[in-house]
Structures are given as C-alpha cells and as structure tokens.
PDB file of N, CA and C in Angstrom:
ATOM      1  N   MET A   1      -5.993 -16.671 -15.017  1.00  0.00           N
ATOM      2  CA  MET A   1      -4.764 -17.082 -14.619  1.00  0.00           C
ATOM      3  C   MET A   1      -4.046 -17.313 -16.093  1.00  0.00           C
ATOM      4  N   SER A   2      -3.118 -17.298 -16.892  1.00  0.00           N
ATOM      5  CA  SER A   2      -2.207 -17.381 -17.581  1.00  0.00           C
ATOM      6  C   SER A   2      -2.226 -19.044 -17.738  1.00  0.00           C
ATOM      7  N   GLY A   3      -1.870 -19.985 -17.213  1.00  0.00           N
ATOM      8  CA  GLY A   3      -1.550 -20.918 -17.107  1.00  0.00           C
ATOM      9  C   GLY A   3      -0.505 -21.522 -17.192  1.00  0.00           C
ATOM     10  N   GLY A   4       0.758 -20.680 -16.866  1.00  0.00           N
ATOM     11  CA  GLY A   4       1.973 -20.416 -17.189  1.00  0.00           C
ATOM     12  C   GLY A   4       3.120 -21.090 -16.485  1.00  0.00           C
ATOM     13  N   CYS A   5       2.201 -20.788 -14.663  1.00  0.00           N
ATOM     14  CA  CYS A   5       2.159 -21.167 -13.296  1.00  0.00           C
ATOM     15  C   CYS A   5       1.231 -22.208 -13.040  1.00  0.00           C
ATOM     16  N   ALA A   6       2.207 -23.072 -12.096  1.00  0.00           N
ATOM     17  CA  ALA A   6       1.344 -24.343 -11.810  1.00  0.00           C
ATOM     18  C   ALA A   6       2.205 -24.401 -10.145  1.00  0.00           C
ATOM     19  N   TRP A   7       1.522 -24.967  -9.308  1.00  0.00           N
ATOM     20  CA  TRP A   7       1.956 -24.607  -7.197  1.00  0.00           C
ATOM     21  C   TRP A   7       1.016 -25.849  -7.271  1.00  0.00           C
ATOM     22  N   LYS A   8       1.691 -26.465  -6.069  1.00  0.00           N
ATOM     23  CA  LYS A   8       1.014 -27.719  -5.314  1.00  0.00           C
ATOM     24  C   LYS A   8       0.478 -26.723  -4.252  1.00  0.00           C
ATOM     25  N   PRO A   9      -0.393 -27.097  -3.862  1.00  0.00           N
ATOM     26  CA  PRO A   9      -1.520 -26.919  -2.631  1.00  0.00           C
ATOM     27  C   PRO A   9      -0.720 -27.664  -1.365  1.00  0.00           C
ATOM     28  N   PHE A  10      -1.064 -26.334  -0.691  1.00  0.00           N
ATOM     29  CA  PHE A  10      -0.304 -26.546   0.702  1.00  0.00           C
ATOM     30  C   PHE A  10      -1.327 -26.127   2.100  1.00  0.00           C
ATOM     31  N   GLU A  11      -0.429 -26.613   3.149  1.00  0.00           N
ATOM     32  CA  GLU A  11      -1.530 -26.369   4.516  1.00  0.00           C
ATOM     33  C   GLU A  11      -0.882 -25.334   5.382  1.00  0.00           C
ATOM     34  N   ILE A  12      -0.948 -24.753   6.552  1.00  0.00           N
ATOM     35  CA  ILE A  12      -0.458 -23.782   7.454  1.00  0.00           C
ATOM     36  C   ILE A  12      -1.451 -23.951   8.611  1.00  0.00           C
ATOM     37  N   THR A  13      -0.617 -24.043   9.275  1.00  0.00           N
ATOM     38  CA  THR A  13      -1.255 -23.831  10.713  1.00  0.00           C
ATOM     39  C   THR A  13      -1.748 -23.026  11.611  1.00  0.00           C
ATOM     40  N   GLN A  14      -2.610 -22.785  12.238  1.00  0.00           N
ATOM     41  CA  GLN A  14      -3.057 -21.627  12.631  1.00  0.00           C
ATOM     42  C   GLN A  14      -2.149 -20.709  12.958  1.00  0.00           C
ATOM     43  N   GLU A  15      -1.067 -21.031  13.746  1.00  0.00           N
ATOM     44  CA  GLU A  15       0.043 -20.396  14.107  1.00  0.00           C
ATOM     45  C   GLU A  15       0.560 -19.826  13.180  1.00  0.00           C
ATOM     46  N   GLU A  16       0.633 -20.372  11.999  1.00  0.00           N
ATOM     47  CA  GLU A  16       1.627 -19.906  11.018  1.00  0.00           C
ATOM     48  C   GLU A  16       0.897 -19.051  10.108  1.00  0.00           C
ATOM     49  N   TYR A  17      -0.633 -18.888  10.309  1.00  0.00           N
ATOM     50  CA  TYR A  17      -1.514 -18.043   9.474  1.00  0.00           C
ATOM     51  C   TYR A  17      -1.557 -16.881  10.412  1.00  0.00           C
ATOM     52  N   GLU A  18      -1.705 -16.739  11.901  1.00  0.00           N
ATOM     53  CA  GLU A  18      -1.433 -15.811  12.340  1.00  0.00           C
ATOM     54  C   GLU A  18      -0.168 -14.699  12.497  1.00  0.00           C
ATOM     55  N   GLU A  19       1.264 -15.566  12.392  1.00  0.00           N
ATOM     56  CA  GLU A  19       2.252 -15.414  11.647  1.00  0.00           C
ATOM     57  C   GLU A  19       2.271 -14.728  10.550  1.00  0.00           C
ATOM     58  N   LEU A  20       1.505 -15.010   9.206  1.00  0.00           N
ATOM     59  CA  LEU A  20       1.899 -14.281   8.190  1.00  0.00           C
ATOM     60  C   LEU A  20       0.915 -13.033   8.096  1.00  0.00           C
ATOM     61  N   VAL A  21      -0.151 -13.340   8.798  1.00  0.00           N
ATOM     62  CA  VAL A  21      -1.062 -12.159   8.973  1.00  0.00           C
ATOM     63  C   VAL A  21      -0.489 -10.637   9.784  1.00  0.00           C
ATOM     64  N   LEU A  22       0.373 -11.035  10.835  1.00  0.00           N
ATOM     65  CA  LEU A  22       0.832 -10.210  11.818  1.00  0.00           C
ATOM     66  C   LEU A  22       2.026  -9.854  10.496  1.00  0.00           C
ATOM     67  N   ASP A  23       2.978  -9.989   9.988  1.00  0.00           N
ATOM     68  CA  ASP A  23       3.652  -9.488   9.093  1.00  0.00           C
ATOM     69  C   ASP A  23       3.509  -8.953   7.893  1.00  0.00           C
ATOM     70  N   LEU A  24       2.067  -9.603   7.075  1.00  0.00           N
ATOM     71  CA  LEU A  24       1.252  -8.029   6.236  1.00  0.00           C
ATOM     72  C   LEU A  24       1.251  -7.076   6.794  1.00  0.00           C
ATOM     73  N   LEU A  25       0.418  -7.405   7.999  1.00  0.00           N
ATOM     74  CA  LEU A  25      -0.088  -5.681   8.841  1.00  0.00           C
ATOM     75  C   LEU A  25       0.878  -4.790   9.341  1.00  0.00           C
ATOM     76  N   THR A  26       2.020  -5.603   9.271  1.00  0.00           N
ATOM     77  CA  THR A  26       2.661  -4.951  10.111  1.00  0.00           C
ATOM     78  C   THR A  26       4.489  -4.485   9.210  1.00  0.00           C
ATOM     79  N   ALA A  27       4.466  -4.742   7.882  1.00  0.00           N
ATOM     80  CA  ALA A  27       5.598  -4.482   7.219  1.00  0.00           C
ATOM     81  C   ALA A  27       5.585  -3.191   6.687  1.00  0.00           C
ATOM     82  N   PRO A  28       6.632  -2.654   6.371  1.00  0.00           N
ATOM     83  CA  PRO A  28       6.949  -1.546   6.392  1.00  0.00           C
ATOM     84  C   PRO A  28       6.034  -0.899   5.082  1.00  0.00           C
ATOM     85  N   GLY A  29       5.704   0.759   5.159  1.00  0.00           N
ATOM     86  CA  GLY A  29       4.559   1.052   4.041  1.00  0.00           C
ATOM     87  C   GLY A  29       3.436  -0.235   3.781  1.00  0.00           C
ATOM     88  N   SER A  30       2.899  -0.448   4.366  1.00  0.00           N
ATOM     89  CA  SER A  30       2.096  -1.676   4.525  1.00  0.00           C
ATOM     90  C   SER A  30       0.493  -1.004   4.393  1.00  0.00           C
ATOM     91  N   GLN A  31      -0.540  -1.135   4.083  1.00  0.00           N
ATOM     92  CA  GLN A  31      -1.461  -0.215   3.636  1.00  0.00           C
ATOM     93  C   GLN A  31      -2.455  -1.303   4.727  1.00  0.00           C
ATOM     94  N   LEU A  32      -2.409  -2.322   4.676  1.00  0.00           N
ATOM     95  CA  LEU A  32      -3.350  -3.398   4.863  1.00  0.00           C
ATOM     96  C   LEU A  32      -3.968  -3.432   6.047  1.00  0.00           C
ATOM     97  N   LYS A  33      -4.991  -3.787   6.141  1.00  0.00           N
ATOM     98  CA  LYS A  33      -5.848  -3.842   7.423  1.00  0.00           C
ATOM     99  C   LYS A  33      -6.921  -4.879   7.573  1.00  0.00           C
ATOM    100  N   VAL A  34      -7.368  -5.520   8.886  1.00  0.00           N
ATOM    101  CA  VAL A  34      -8.294  -6.670   9.010  1.00  0.00           C
ATOM    102  C   VAL A  34      -9.909  -5.805   8.916  1.00  0.00           C
ATOM    103  N   LEU A  35     -10.444  -6.416   8.665  1.00  0.00           N
ATOM    104  CA  LEU A  35     -11.376  -5.993   8.384  1.00  0.00           C
ATOM    105  C   LEU A  35     -12.494  -7.073   8.846  1.00  0.00           C
ATOM    106  N   ASN A  36     -13.554  -6.584  10.151  1.00  0.00           N
ATOM    107  CA  ASN A  36     -14.283  -7.357  10.630  1.00  0.00           C
ATOM    108  C   ASN A  36     -15.431  -7.409   9.649  1.00  0.00           C
ATOM    109  N   THR A  37     -16.142  -8.563   9.182  1.00  0.00           N
ATOM    110  CA  THR A  37     -17.494  -8.639   8.354  1.00  0.00           C
ATOM    111  C   THR A  37     -18.534  -8.250  10.494  1.00  0.00           C
ATOM    112  N   PRO A  38     -19.606  -7.715   9.559  1.00  0.00           N
ATOM    113  CA  PRO A  38     -20.638  -7.566  10.389  1.00  0.00           C
ATOM    114  C   PRO A  38     -21.489  -8.969  10.776  1.00  0.00           C
ATOM    115  N   LEU A  39     -21.762  -8.685  11.780  1.00  0.00           N
ATOM    116  CA  LEU A  39     -22.811  -9.732  12.223  1.00  0.00           C
ATOM    117  C   LEU A  39     -24.109 -10.519  11.073  1.00  0.00           C
ATOM    118  N   GLU A  40     -24.317  -9.287  10.597  1.00  0.00           N
ATOM    119  CA  GLU A  40     -25.805  -8.985   9.391  1.00  0.00           C
ATOM    120  C   GLU A  40     -25.656 -10.031   7.856  1.00  0.00           C
ATOM    121  N   ILE A  41     -24.056  -9.843   8.597  1.00  0.00           N
ATOM    122  CA  ILE A  41     -23.458 -10.473   6.962  1.00  0.00           C
ATOM    123  C   ILE A  41     -23.977 -12.105   7.209  1.00  0.00           C
ATOM    124  N   GLN A  42     -24.844 -12.707   6.140  1.00  0.00           N
ATOM    125  CA  GLN A  42     -25.045 -14.235   5.902  1.00  0.00           C
ATOM    126  C   GLN A  42     -24.684 -14.912   5.389  1.00  0.00           C
ATOM    127  N   THR A  43     -25.001 -14.504   3.857  1.00  0.00           N
ATOM    128  CA  THR A  43     -24.268 -14.964   2.544  1.00  0.00           C
ATOM    129  C   THR A  43     -22.940 -14.106   2.001  1.00  0.00           C
ATOM    130  N   TYR A  44     -22.917 -15.362   0.934  1.00  0.00           N
ATOM    131  CA  TYR A  44     -21.420 -14.949  -0.110  1.00  0.00           C
ATOM    132  C   TYR A  44     -21.871 -13.666  -0.863  1.00  0.00           C
ATOM    133  N   ARG A  45     -23.316 -13.986  -1.280  1.00  0.00           N
ATOM    134  CA  ARG A  45     -23.681 -12.526  -1.882  1.00  0.00           C
ATOM    135  C   ARG A  45     -23.995 -11.034  -1.324  1.00  0.00           C
ATOM    136  N   GLN A  46     -24.179 -11.395   0.524  1.00  0.00           N
ATOM    137  CA  GLN A  46     -24.143 -10.183   0.904  1.00  0.00           C
ATOM    138  C   GLN A  46     -22.707  -9.689   1.771  1.00  0.00           C
ATOM    139  N   TRP A  47     -21.727 -10.757   1.149  1.00  0.00           N
ATOM    140  CA  TRP A  47     -20.591 -10.231   1.982  1.00  0.00           C
ATOM    141  C   TRP A  47     -19.822  -9.508   0.879  1.00  0.00           C
ATOM    142  N   VAL A  48     -20.416 -10.162  -0.603  1.00  0.00           N
ATOM    143  CA  VAL A  48     -19.727  -9.263  -2.039  1.00  0.00           C
ATOM    144  C   VAL A  48     -20.397  -8.167  -1.535  1.00  0.00           C
ATOM    145  N   GLU A  49     -21.253  -7.452  -1.796  1.00  0.00           N
ATOM    146  CA  GLU A  49     -21.818  -6.078  -1.430  1.00  0.00           C
ATOM    147  C   GLU A  49     -21.721  -5.555  -0.587  1.00  0.00           C
ATOM    148  N   TRP A  50     -21.318  -6.409   0.383  1.00  0.00           N
ATOM    149  CA  TRP A  50     -20.809  -5.323   1.880  1.00  0.00           C
ATOM    150  C   TRP A  50     -19.077  -4.850   1.183  1.00  0.00           C
ATOM    151  N   LYS A  51     -18.645  -5.651   0.982  1.00  0.00           N
ATOM    152  CA  LYS A  51     -16.369  -5.856   0.777  1.00  0.00           C
ATOM    153  C   LYS A  51     -16.901  -4.478  -0.301  1.00  0.00           C
ATOM    154  N   ARG A  52     -17.971  -4.681  -1.812  1.00  0.00           N
ATOM    155  CA  ARG A  52     -17.998  -3.514  -2.519  1.00  0.00           C
ATOM    156  C   ARG A  52     -18.051  -2.186  -2.374  1.00  0.00           C
ATOM    157  N   GLU A  53     -19.342  -2.121  -1.079  1.00  0.00           N
ATOM    158  CA  GLU A  53     -19.318  -0.808  -0.444  1.00  0.00           C
ATOM    159  C   GLU A  53     -18.173  -0.273   0.457  1.00  0.00           C
ATOM    160  N   HIS A  54     -17.904  -1.259   1.007  1.00  0.00           N
ATOM    161  CA  HIS A  54     -16.699  -0.491   1.484  1.00  0.00           C
ATOM    162  C   HIS A  54     -15.567  -0.323   0.870  1.00  0.00           C
ATOM    163  N   TYR A  55     -15.090  -0.771  -0.256  1.00  0.00           N
ATOM    164  CA  TYR A  55     -13.933  -0.607  -1.222  1.00  0.00           C
ATOM    165  C   TYR A  55     -14.803   0.953  -1.688  1.00  0.00           C
ATOM    166  N   LYS A  56     -15.844   0.978  -2.051  1.00  0.00           N
ATOM    167  CA  LYS A  56     -15.882   2.547  -2.645  1.00  0.00           C
ATOM    168  C   LYS A  56     -15.442   3.394  -1.429  1.00  0.00           C
ATOM    169  N   LEU A  57     -15.968   3.237  -0.324  1.00  0.00           N
ATOM    170  CA  LEU A  57     -16.016   4.172   0.811  1.00  0.00           C
ATOM    171  C   LEU A  57     -14.241   4.544   0.961  1.00  0.00           C
ATOM    172  N   ILE A  58     -13.885   3.444   0.841  1.00  0.00           N
ATOM    173  CA  ILE A  58     -12.136   4.054   1.187  1.00  0.00           C
ATOM    174  C   ILE A  58     -11.585   3.988  -0.121  1.00  0.00           C
ATOM    175  N   GLY A  59     -11.982   4.377  -1.358  1.00  0.00           N
ATOM    176  CA  GLY A  59     -11.243   5.549  -2.816  1.00  0.00           C
ATOM    177  C   GLY A  59     -11.062   4.469  -3.308  1.00  0.00           C
ATOM    178  N   GLY A  60     -11.652   2.883  -3.384  1.00  0.00           N
ATOM    179  CA  GLY A  60     -11.416   2.150  -4.459  1.00  0.00           C
ATOM    180  C   GLY A  60     -11.719   2.162  -5.719  1.00  0.00           C
ATOM    181  N   LEU A  61     -12.330   1.255  -6.822  1.00  0.00           N
ATOM    182  CA  LEU A  61     -12.732   1.703  -8.485  1.00  0.00           C
ATOM    183  C   LEU A  61     -14.536   1.482  -8.074  1.00  0.00           C
TER     184      LEU A  61
END
C-alpha cells in the first residue's frame, strides 16, 4: 500500500456481513461467487494452493 491513505478499523455484525455479501453477489454485472473450501483443506498453505489451482481453472493468471 502506498501509505497515503489511512482508515480506522471497524467491526460489522454477522447480519451486516451477510447483507454485504448478498449485495456483492447480486450487483448488476457482478461475476463474484462464493467458493466453499473443501473439507480436506486444513492449513493456510493448503488453502493458498487450492485457491491458486481454482483460479487457474477459471482463467486467471
């Protein structure tokens, strides 16, 4: 990050989070979708590898 911007951390409720996710998923032109991590993924490193492979499958970098 450039360091030129700052913001105060904040918290949202579970209800607010769910509303935000719904708004993001249903916004006109949105290509976002929820990905459920497979149960066999147990560590952060496994998650990063799984995410990288998934990203390749959908045409990412």
